């Protein structure tokens, strides 16, 4: 019975891929805060612990975003972007020529990565 419920939940949620460092806390916001907000109308006196439980993930997500924005902006980018950037940096360190992208440069390399590479040259 439990396995059936878990299988349905996984199918309903689809495949979860982490795109940035904030995705796990954003999922926590959706899992905890939204149901918590939905229960408030049914409670006569809202306990303080419920308010903290509802606001905690949201405040954590906002603080995390601000910290990453000031300290390490690359963590806010997708995993694909980070892998491409690391690959190009590795190739430059080894002295290999950067791959020729031709007219498809916009499709293959994000604009931020191209700007970064142009600044290094």
Protein backbone atom coordinates (compact mmCIF):
# COMPACT_ATOMS: atom_id res chain seq x y z
CA UNK A 1 0.00 0.00 0.00
CA UNK A 2 2.75 2.47 0.98
CA UNK A 3 4.81 1.54 -2.05
CA UNK A 4 1.82 2.26 -4.28
CA UNK A 5 1.35 5.72 -2.73
CA UNK A 6 5.07 6.48 -3.07
CA UNK A 7 5.04 5.37 -6.72
CA UNK A 8 2.06 7.61 -7.45
CA UNK A 9 3.74 10.57 -5.76
CA UNK A 10 6.90 10.07 -7.80
CA UNK A 11 4.90 9.79 -11.03
CA UNK A 12 2.90 12.92 -10.17
CA UNK A 13 6.01 14.91 -9.33
CA UNK A 14 7.92 13.78 -12.37
CA UNK A 15 11.67 13.69 -12.53
CA UNK A 16 13.25 16.23 -10.20
CA UNK A 17 16.42 17.84 -11.48
CA UNK A 18 18.30 20.35 -9.42
CA UNK A 19 19.02 23.36 -11.61
CA UNK A 20 20.58 25.68 -9.03
CA UNK A 21 21.61 25.81 -5.39
CA UNK A 22 18.26 27.29 -4.39
CA UNK A 23 16.02 24.57 -5.81
CA UNK A 24 15.97 22.36 -2.67
CA UNK A 25 14.86 25.21 -0.41
CA UNK A 26 12.28 26.30 -2.98
CA UNK A 27 10.84 22.78 -2.95
CA UNK A 28 10.77 22.96 0.85
CA UNK A 29 8.82 26.21 0.57
CA UNK A 30 6.27 24.50 -1.64
CA UNK A 31 6.02 21.38 0.51
CA UNK A 32 5.81 23.11 3.91
CA UNK A 33 4.57 26.67 3.45
CA UNK A 34 1.70 26.14 1.02
CA UNK A 35 -0.07 23.42 3.06
CA UNK A 36 0.61 25.44 6.22
CA UNK A 37 -1.06 28.48 4.70
CA UNK A 38 -4.01 26.35 3.64
CA UNK A 39 -4.56 25.14 7.22
CA UNK A 40 -4.67 28.61 8.80
CA UNK A 41 -8.34 29.35 7.92
CA UNK A 42 -9.42 26.16 9.72
CA UNK A 43 -7.67 27.01 13.00
CA UNK A 44 -9.29 29.38 15.52
CA UNK A 45 -6.05 30.52 17.18
CA UNK A 46 -2.92 30.08 15.10
CA UNK A 47 0.00 28.87 17.23
CA UNK A 48 3.30 30.71 16.95
CA UNK A 49 5.13 27.51 15.97
CA UNK A 50 2.92 27.18 12.88
CA UNK A 51 3.72 30.73 11.80
CA UNK A 52 7.44 30.02 12.26
CA UNK A 53 7.08 26.75 10.34
CA UNK A 54 5.34 28.52 7.46
CA UNK A 55 7.71 31.52 7.30
CA UNK A 56 10.96 29.64 7.97
CA UNK A 57 11.55 28.15 4.51
CA UNK A 58 10.55 31.39 2.77
CA UNK A 59 12.92 33.51 4.86
CA UNK A 60 15.68 30.94 4.38
CA UNK A 61 15.17 30.99 0.59
CA UNK A 62 15.33 34.79 0.51
CA UNK A 63 18.48 34.90 2.66
CA UNK A 64 20.07 32.15 0.60
CA UNK A 65 19.35 34.03 -2.60
CA UNK A 66 20.84 37.26 -1.26
CA UNK A 67 23.94 35.49 0.06
CA UNK A 68 24.53 33.65 -3.20
CA UNK A 69 23.87 36.84 -5.16
CA UNK A 70 26.65 38.66 -3.29
CA UNK A 71 29.14 35.83 -2.73
CA UNK A 72 28.86 33.28 -5.54
CA UNK A 73 26.55 34.16 -8.43
CA UNK A 74 27.52 31.04 -10.37
CA UNK A 75 25.62 28.88 -7.88
CA UNK A 76 22.44 30.62 -9.00
CA UNK A 77 23.05 29.45 -12.57
CA UNK A 78 21.91 26.06 -13.86
CA UNK A 79 24.07 22.96 -13.52
CA UNK A 80 24.47 22.90 -17.29
CA UNK A 81 25.91 26.43 -17.25
CA UNK A 82 28.33 25.54 -14.45
CA UNK A 83 29.55 22.42 -16.25
CA UNK A 84 30.12 24.32 -19.50
CA UNK A 85 32.00 27.06 -17.69
CA UNK A 86 34.20 24.59 -15.81
CA UNK A 87 34.92 22.68 -19.02
CA UNK A 88 36.00 25.82 -20.86
CA UNK A 89 38.12 26.97 -17.90
CA UNK A 90 39.80 23.55 -17.78
CA UNK A 91 40.51 23.66 -21.49
CA UNK A 92 42.06 27.12 -21.13
CA UNK A 93 44.24 25.95 -18.24
CA UNK A 94 45.52 23.02 -20.29
CA UNK A 95 46.27 25.33 -23.20
CA UNK A 96 43.82 23.67 -25.55
CA UNK A 97 42.07 25.71 -28.19
CA UNK A 98 38.47 26.55 -27.46
CA UNK A 99 36.04 24.67 -29.67
CA UNK A 100 34.82 26.55 -32.71
CA UNK A 101 31.11 27.10 -32.30
CA UNK A 102 30.39 28.82 -35.59
CA UNK A 103 26.95 30.34 -36.09
CA UNK A 104 25.40 28.13 -33.39
CA UNK A 105 27.24 29.97 -30.59
CA UNK A 106 24.02 31.42 -29.22
CA UNK A 107 22.50 27.95 -28.92
CA UNK A 108 25.53 26.26 -27.36
CA UNK A 109 27.06 28.86 -25.07
CA UNK A 110 25.03 31.08 -22.73
CA UNK A 111 25.64 34.83 -23.22
CA UNK A 112 27.08 35.18 -19.73
CA UNK A 113 29.71 32.55 -20.47
CA UNK A 114 30.69 34.21 -23.76
CA UNK A 115 30.99 37.58 -21.96
CA UNK A 116 33.17 35.96 -19.30
CA UNK A 117 35.45 34.42 -21.92
CA UNK A 118 35.75 37.71 -23.81
CA UNK A 119 36.75 39.52 -20.59
CA UNK A 120 39.49 36.97 -19.88
CA UNK A 121 41.05 37.47 -23.32
